[in-house]
Structures are given as C-alpha cells and as structure tokens.
C-alpha cells in the first residue's frame, strides 16, 4: 500500500508538470514564465535523483529522473520561445 501511494502521487505530480510543458509548447508566448524556474527544477532534480539512488528507493528514483527530464524540456521550450520572440 505504501508503494502504491508513492507511485500514484508520482503520476499526479508528473501529469501536472507535463501538462504545463505541453501548454507552453502549444503557446507562442512564454510571458510570465521564468527560465529560472526550470533551471532550479533541473538542479533540484539532479540532487534528488542522486539522493534517491543512494537510498535505493525506486519510486523516488523514477519520479526524480522524470522530473529532471521534464525540467530540461521546460527549459528548452521557454528558451526557444523567448529566442523566437526576440527575433521577431
């Protein structure tokens, strides 16, 4: 039961953040979205993934590794949208 709570919570968190990335991807504007949000999430995810590996907790390893990917994708989307906006 404990593992199930962890996995379900992980899926909810990942769905929420993936939804934000998808919304940014579809939008032409990144107004109000800071690249530092994604840089911070990426840095924290690297630390949390490392910590999770050291603990050997697969729920946290998977969640934090996927959050790391999500953070990198978010950063790339914001960076590209901002670059496009500057060139117009």
C-alpha atoms as a PDB file:
ATOM      1  CA  UNK A   1       0.000   0.000   0.000  1.00  0.00           C
ATOM      2  CA  UNK A   2       2.866   2.382   0.810  1.00  0.00           C
ATOM      3  CA  UNK A   3       4.430   1.875  -2.641  1.00  0.00           C
ATOM      4  CA  UNK A   4       1.050   2.397  -4.320  1.00  0.00           C
ATOM      5  CA  UNK A   5       0.613   5.761  -2.588  1.00  0.00           C
ATOM      6  CA  UNK A   6       4.086   6.765  -3.761  1.00  0.00           C
ATOM      7  CA  UNK A   7       3.520   5.720  -7.379  1.00  0.00           C
ATOM      8  CA  UNK A   8       0.079   7.356  -7.611  1.00  0.00           C
ATOM      9  CA  UNK A   9       1.417  10.582  -6.110  1.00  0.00           C
ATOM     10  CA  UNK A  10       4.322  10.470  -8.540  1.00  0.00           C
ATOM     11  CA  UNK A  11       1.983  10.086 -11.510  1.00  0.00           C
ATOM     12  CA  UNK A  12      -0.158  13.012 -10.346  1.00  0.00           C
ATOM     13  CA  UNK A  13       2.893  15.268  -9.989  1.00  0.00           C
ATOM     14  CA  UNK A  14       4.338  14.243 -13.338  1.00  0.00           C
ATOM     15  CA  UNK A  15       0.994  14.703 -15.117  1.00  0.00           C
ATOM     16  CA  UNK A  16       0.663  18.197 -13.683  1.00  0.00           C
ATOM     17  CA  UNK A  17       4.148  19.313 -14.721  1.00  0.00           C
ATOM     18  CA  UNK A  18       3.958  17.603 -18.105  1.00  0.00           C
ATOM     19  CA  UNK A  19       0.684  19.434 -18.686  1.00  0.00           C
ATOM     20  CA  UNK A  20       2.459  22.739 -18.016  1.00  0.00           C
ATOM     21  CA  UNK A  21       5.171  21.870 -20.520  1.00  0.00           C
ATOM     22  CA  UNK A  22       2.570  20.887 -23.101  1.00  0.00           C
ATOM     23  CA  UNK A  23       0.728  24.191 -22.571  1.00  0.00           C
ATOM     24  CA  UNK A  24       3.970  26.128 -23.055  1.00  0.00           C
ATOM     25  CA  UNK A  25       4.834  24.105 -26.149  1.00  0.00           C
ATOM     26  CA  UNK A  26       1.496  24.958 -27.783  1.00  0.00           C
ATOM     27  CA  UNK A  27       1.652  28.625 -26.804  1.00  0.00           C
ATOM     28  CA  UNK A  28       3.580  31.196 -28.778  1.00  0.00           C
ATOM     29  CA  UNK A  29       4.213  33.208 -25.628  1.00  0.00           C
ATOM     30  CA  UNK A  30       6.283  32.486 -22.560  1.00  0.00           C
ATOM     31  CA  UNK A  31       5.242  35.703 -20.849  1.00  0.00           C
ATOM     32  CA  UNK A  32       5.391  35.257 -17.107  1.00  0.00           C
ATOM     33  CA  UNK A  33       7.349  32.016 -17.319  1.00  0.00           C
ATOM     34  CA  UNK A  34      10.846  32.281 -15.940  1.00  0.00           C
ATOM     35  CA  UNK A  35      13.651  30.148 -17.316  1.00  0.00           C
ATOM     36  CA  UNK A  36      14.991  30.154 -13.738  1.00  0.00           C
ATOM     37  CA  UNK A  37      12.012  28.051 -12.667  1.00  0.00           C
ATOM     38  CA  UNK A  38      13.184  25.308 -15.000  1.00  0.00           C
ATOM     39  CA  UNK A  39      16.860  25.772 -14.162  1.00  0.00           C
ATOM     40  CA  UNK A  40      16.022  25.458 -10.466  1.00  0.00           C
ATOM     41  CA  UNK A  41      13.835  22.407 -11.026  1.00  0.00           C
ATOM     42  CA  UNK A  42      16.573  20.760 -13.082  1.00  0.00           C
ATOM     43  CA  UNK A  43      19.237  21.423 -10.447  1.00  0.00           C
ATOM     44  CA  UNK A  44      16.987  20.159  -7.654  1.00  0.00           C
ATOM     45  CA  UNK A  45      16.035  17.087  -9.690  1.00  0.00           C
ATOM     46  CA  UNK A  46      19.697  16.194 -10.219  1.00  0.00           C
ATOM     47  CA  UNK A  47      20.236  16.354  -6.466  1.00  0.00           C
ATOM     48  CA  UNK A  48      17.041  14.471  -5.619  1.00  0.00           C
ATOM     49  CA  UNK A  49      17.740  11.782  -8.213  1.00  0.00           C
ATOM     50  CA  UNK A  50      21.220  11.246  -6.788  1.00  0.00           C
ATOM     51  CA  UNK A  51      19.821  11.140  -3.254  1.00  0.00           C
ATOM     52  CA  UNK A  52      17.117   8.676  -4.316  1.00  0.00           C
ATOM     53  CA  UNK A  53      19.685   6.372  -5.920  1.00  0.00           C
ATOM     54  CA  UNK A  54      21.722   6.422  -2.722  1.00  0.00           C
ATOM     55  CA  UNK A  55      18.583   5.485  -0.766  1.00  0.00           C
ATOM     56  CA  UNK A  56      17.627   2.812  -3.299  1.00  0.00           C
ATOM     57  CA  UNK A  57      14.007   3.995  -3.417  1.00  0.00           C
ATOM     58  CA  UNK A  58      12.611   3.216  -6.875  1.00  0.00           C
ATOM     59  CA  UNK A  59       9.554   5.463  -6.522  1.00  0.00           C
ATOM     60  CA  UNK A  60      11.792   8.459  -5.912  1.00  0.00           C
ATOM     61  CA  UNK A  61      14.414   7.398  -8.452  1.00  0.00           C
ATOM     62  CA  UNK A  62      11.818   7.163 -11.232  1.00  0.00           C
ATOM     63  CA  UNK A  63       9.946  10.298 -10.172  1.00  0.00           C
ATOM     64  CA  UNK A  64      13.027  12.464  -9.826  1.00  0.00           C
ATOM     65  CA  UNK A  65      14.608  11.190 -13.031  1.00  0.00           C
ATOM     66  CA  UNK A  66      11.399  12.001 -14.925  1.00  0.00           C
ATOM     67  CA  UNK A  67      11.210  15.394 -13.203  1.00  0.00           C
ATOM     68  CA  UNK A  68      14.748  16.023 -14.422  1.00  0.00           C
ATOM     69  CA  UNK A  69      13.681  15.268 -17.999  1.00  0.00           C
ATOM     70  CA  UNK A  70      10.599  17.466 -17.522  1.00  0.00           C
ATOM     71  CA  UNK A  71      12.747  20.328 -16.246  1.00  0.00           C
ATOM     72  CA  UNK A  72      15.088  20.075 -19.215  1.00  0.00           C
ATOM     73  CA  UNK A  73      12.182  20.021 -21.665  1.00  0.00           C
ATOM     74  CA  UNK A  74      10.594  23.017 -19.922  1.00  0.00           C
ATOM     75  CA  UNK A  75      13.831  24.968 -20.118  1.00  0.00           C
ATOM     76  CA  UNK A  76      14.281  24.198 -23.817  1.00  0.00           C
ATOM     77  CA  UNK A  77      10.704  25.234 -24.615  1.00  0.00           C
ATOM     78  CA  UNK A  78      10.994  28.526 -22.716  1.00  0.00           C
ATOM     79  CA  UNK A  79      14.423  29.234 -24.198  1.00  0.00           C
ATOM     80  CA  UNK A  80      13.289  28.602 -27.777  1.00  0.00           C
ATOM     81  CA  UNK A  81      10.055  30.584 -27.397  1.00  0.00           C
ATOM     82  CA  UNK A  82      11.914  33.526 -25.846  1.00  0.00           C
ATOM     83  CA  UNK A  83      14.566  33.418 -28.586  1.00  0.00           C
ATOM     84  CA  UNK A  84      11.865  33.378 -31.260  1.00  0.00           C
ATOM     85  CA  UNK A  85      10.097  36.323 -29.618  1.00  0.00           C
ATOM     86  CA  UNK A  86      13.330  38.355 -29.575  1.00  0.00           C
ATOM     87  CA  UNK A  87      13.971  37.729 -33.275  1.00  0.00           C
ATOM     88  CA  UNK A  88      10.529  38.898 -34.389  1.00  0.00           C
END
